[in-house]
Amino acid sequence: MPDIKETNEQPTAKQEEGQNERARRMRALKKGKLIFNRGLRSVPCIVRNLSETGAKLEFEQAYLLPHEFVLQIDLEDFEVTCERRWEDGLRCGVEFTSEKRSVGKLRAQILKSSDEALKEEIDELRDSPDNYFSRKRVLDAQKQSAHEQPTRTARPSASSKPGFGRRR
């Protein structure tokens, strides 16, 4: 039977201060943007996870990111000043350095069943401002009825001049 050693583990200084603890991160897939250079420049990103103290961001292509910037997330109602902590290819981790500031939601996410969405889209098309789709349906119906009743045209008589491209 192996000897069991009793150890008196002393908490380290970091653990005592609570610095080693990390805020719980929630997985996310939200569109956002980094704003810097006093609001004159922005870079689109995808927020992959989010916590009270930071976030993990992913980019579609490589950008030169500043050390400090403002992060806005489309489906959230806040913006926050961030500091870049690490980079790994097209991903980076940021720490929030300011309080979250309310900006109002930039867009809303509305989930509907596909049947409801299609019905609403059809209704919107029918109620277009210039009634284009209503007129198009009427014109299509007229064309359809014209195709159902073919009309005969008389052949030109043999005594007339031959048409362009005809053999003599």
Protein backbone atom coordinates (compact mmCIF):
# COMPACT_ATOMS: atom_id res chain seq x y z
CA MET A 1 0.00 0.00 0.00
CA PRO A 2 1.55 3.35 -1.03
CA ASP A 3 2.39 5.87 1.61
CA ILE A 4 -0.07 8.74 1.77
CA LYS A 5 1.64 12.01 2.46
CA GLU A 6 -0.26 14.69 4.18
CA THR A 7 0.61 18.09 2.86
CA ASN A 8 -0.44 21.35 4.27
CA GLU A 9 -1.09 23.35 1.11
CA GLN A 10 -0.72 27.02 1.75
CA PRO A 11 -2.69 29.27 -0.63
CA THR A 12 -0.43 31.39 -2.80
CA ALA A 13 -0.52 35.15 -2.74
CA LYS A 14 -2.46 35.26 -6.02
CA GLN A 15 -5.12 32.92 -4.74
CA GLU A 16 -5.46 34.94 -1.55
CA GLU A 17 -5.99 38.14 -3.54
CA GLY A 18 -8.53 36.47 -5.84
CA GLN A 19 -6.55 37.32 -8.99
CA ASN A 20 -6.34 33.71 -10.10
CA GLU A 21 -10.10 33.43 -10.35
CA ARG A 22 -11.52 34.11 -13.77
CA ALA A 23 -15.03 35.35 -14.49
CA ARG A 24 -17.33 32.77 -16.01
CA ARG A 25 -17.41 33.02 -19.79
CA MET A 26 -20.56 32.35 -21.77
CA ARG A 27 -20.23 31.06 -25.30
CA ALA A 28 -21.57 33.50 -27.87
CA LEU A 29 -21.81 34.03 -31.59
CA LYS A 30 -22.58 37.70 -31.98
CA LYS A 31 -21.59 40.30 -34.52
CA GLY A 32 -19.63 43.23 -33.17
CA LYS A 33 -17.17 45.90 -34.15
CA LEU A 34 -14.07 47.51 -32.73
CA ILE A 35 -14.10 51.29 -32.88
CA PHE A 36 -10.89 53.27 -32.55
CA ASN A 37 -9.12 56.41 -33.73
CA ARG A 38 -11.81 58.58 -32.06
CA GLY A 39 -14.62 56.80 -33.91
CA LEU A 40 -13.12 57.26 -37.38
CA ARG A 41 -12.09 53.62 -37.87
CA SER A 42 -13.89 50.36 -37.18
CA VAL A 43 -13.19 46.67 -37.70
CA PRO A 44 -15.93 44.00 -37.83
CA CYS A 45 -15.57 40.98 -35.56
CA ILE A 46 -17.43 38.02 -34.10
CA VAL A 47 -17.74 37.71 -30.33
CA ARG A 48 -17.05 34.04 -29.50
CA ASN A 49 -17.40 34.24 -25.71
CA LEU A 50 -18.32 36.93 -23.26
CA SER A 51 -17.98 37.53 -19.51
CA GLU A 52 -18.33 40.44 -17.14
CA THR A 53 -14.61 41.22 -17.43
CA GLY A 54 -13.67 40.36 -21.01
CA ALA A 55 -14.39 38.68 -24.32
CA LYS A 56 -12.83 36.53 -27.03
CA LEU A 57 -13.05 38.04 -30.51
CA GLU A 58 -12.58 36.44 -33.92
CA PHE A 59 -11.86 38.22 -37.21
CA GLU A 60 -12.41 37.22 -40.84
CA GLN A 61 -9.05 38.60 -41.93
CA ALA A 62 -5.90 39.88 -40.29
CA TYR A 63 -5.98 43.46 -39.00
CA LEU A 64 -3.52 45.60 -37.11
CA LEU A 65 -5.42 46.23 -33.91
CA PRO A 66 -4.69 49.05 -31.48
CA HIS A 67 -3.90 48.22 -27.87
CA GLU A 68 -7.05 50.01 -26.63
CA PHE A 69 -10.42 50.40 -28.40
CA VAL A 70 -14.20 50.44 -27.92
CA LEU A 71 -16.19 47.23 -28.48
CA GLN A 72 -19.83 47.43 -29.64
CA ILE A 73 -21.95 44.28 -29.89
CA ASP A 74 -25.02 44.36 -32.14
CA LEU A 75 -27.37 42.24 -30.03
CA GLU A 76 -26.39 43.85 -26.73
CA ASP A 77 -27.28 47.33 -25.54
CA PHE A 78 -23.83 48.46 -24.43
CA GLU A 79 -20.38 49.48 -25.55
CA VAL A 80 -17.23 49.12 -23.49
CA THR A 81 -13.61 50.24 -23.66
CA CYS A 82 -11.30 47.24 -24.04
CA GLU A 83 -7.62 46.45 -23.83
CA ARG A 84 -6.13 43.69 -25.99
CA ARG A 85 -4.57 40.97 -23.79
CA TRP A 86 -3.52 38.26 -26.24
CA GLU A 87 -3.56 37.47 -29.97
CA ASP A 88 -3.49 34.13 -31.77
CA GLY A 89 -3.88 34.38 -35.53
CA LEU A 90 -7.37 35.67 -36.27
CA ARG A 91 -8.45 35.56 -32.60
CA CYS A 92 -7.75 37.84 -29.68
CA GLY A 93 -8.75 38.19 -26.07
CA VAL A 94 -9.75 41.50 -24.55
CA GLU A 95 -10.25 42.76 -21.04
CA PHE A 96 -12.87 45.40 -20.30
CA THR A 97 -11.19 48.46 -18.81
CA SER A 98 -14.27 50.61 -18.27
CA GLU A 99 -17.84 50.22 -17.17
CA LYS A 100 -20.39 49.15 -19.77
CA ARG A 101 -22.10 52.18 -21.31
CA SER A 102 -25.67 51.86 -22.55
CA VAL A 103 -26.10 52.77 -26.24
CA GLY A 104 -29.44 51.16 -27.07
CA LYS A 105 -29.74 48.04 -29.15
CA LEU A 106 -28.37 48.44 -32.67
CA ARG A 107 -30.59 45.64 -33.94
CA ALA A 108 -32.89 43.02 -32.49
CA GLN A 109 -32.98 39.30 -32.97
CA ILE A 110 -36.45 37.96 -33.71
CA LEU A 111 -36.94 34.24 -34.07
CA LYS A 112 -39.90 33.02 -36.13
CA SER A 113 -40.89 29.74 -37.65
CA SER A 114 -40.13 29.47 -41.35
CA ASP A 115 -43.86 29.33 -42.22
CA GLU A 116 -44.55 32.61 -40.40
CA ALA A 117 -41.55 34.30 -41.99
CA LEU A 118 -42.60 33.23 -45.51
CA LYS A 119 -46.19 34.39 -44.99
CA GLU A 120 -44.99 37.80 -43.77
CA GLU A 121 -42.58 38.12 -46.69
CA ILE A 122 -45.34 37.33 -49.19
CA ASP A 123 -47.65 39.85 -47.52
CA GLU A 124 -44.92 42.52 -47.68
CA LEU A 125 -44.40 41.83 -51.36
CA ARG A 126 -48.11 42.11 -52.06
CA ASP A 127 -48.34 45.40 -50.19
CA SER A 128 -45.42 47.12 -51.88
CA PRO A 129 -45.70 50.93 -52.09
CA ASP A 130 -46.07 51.06 -55.87
CA ASN A 131 -48.04 47.78 -56.14
CA TYR A 132 -45.38 46.42 -58.50
CA PHE A 133 -46.04 42.80 -57.58
CA SER A 134 -49.82 43.18 -57.90
CA ARG A 135 -49.41 44.70 -61.37
CA LYS A 136 -46.91 42.00 -62.31
CA ARG A 137 -49.40 39.28 -61.37
CA VAL A 138 -52.10 40.95 -63.51
CA LEU A 139 -49.72 41.29 -66.48
CA ASP A 140 -48.58 37.68 -66.08
CA ALA A 141 -52.21 36.55 -66.05
CA GLN A 142 -52.89 38.56 -69.25
CA LYS A 143 -49.86 37.03 -70.95
CA GLN A 144 -50.96 33.57 -69.88
CA SER A 145 -54.44 34.09 -71.33
CA ALA A 146 -52.91 35.44 -74.56
CA HIS A 147 -50.80 32.30 -74.90
CA GLU A 148 -53.83 30.09 -74.42
CA GLN A 149 -55.63 31.61 -77.47
CA PRO A 150 -53.11 31.59 -80.33
CA THR A 151 -53.75 33.99 -83.18
CA ARG A 152 -52.97 33.22 -86.80
CA THR A 153 -51.19 35.67 -88.99
CA ALA A 154 -51.61 35.64 -92.74
CA ARG A 155 -48.66 34.65 -94.87
CA PRO A 156 -47.30 37.26 -97.17
CA SER A 157 -48.32 36.75 -100.78
CA ALA A 158 -45.80 35.37 -103.26
CA SER A 159 -45.97 38.54 -105.41
CA SER A 160 -44.50 40.73 -102.70
CA LYS A 161 -40.80 41.42 -102.36
CA PRO A 162 -38.78 38.75 -100.63
CA GLY A 163 -37.87 39.56 -97.04
CA PHE A 164 -34.38 40.15 -95.74
CA GLY A 165 -32.30 37.01 -95.73
CA ARG A 166 -34.71 34.92 -97.79
CA ARG A 167 -33.61 32.85 -100.72
CA ARG A 168 -35.01 33.74 -104.08
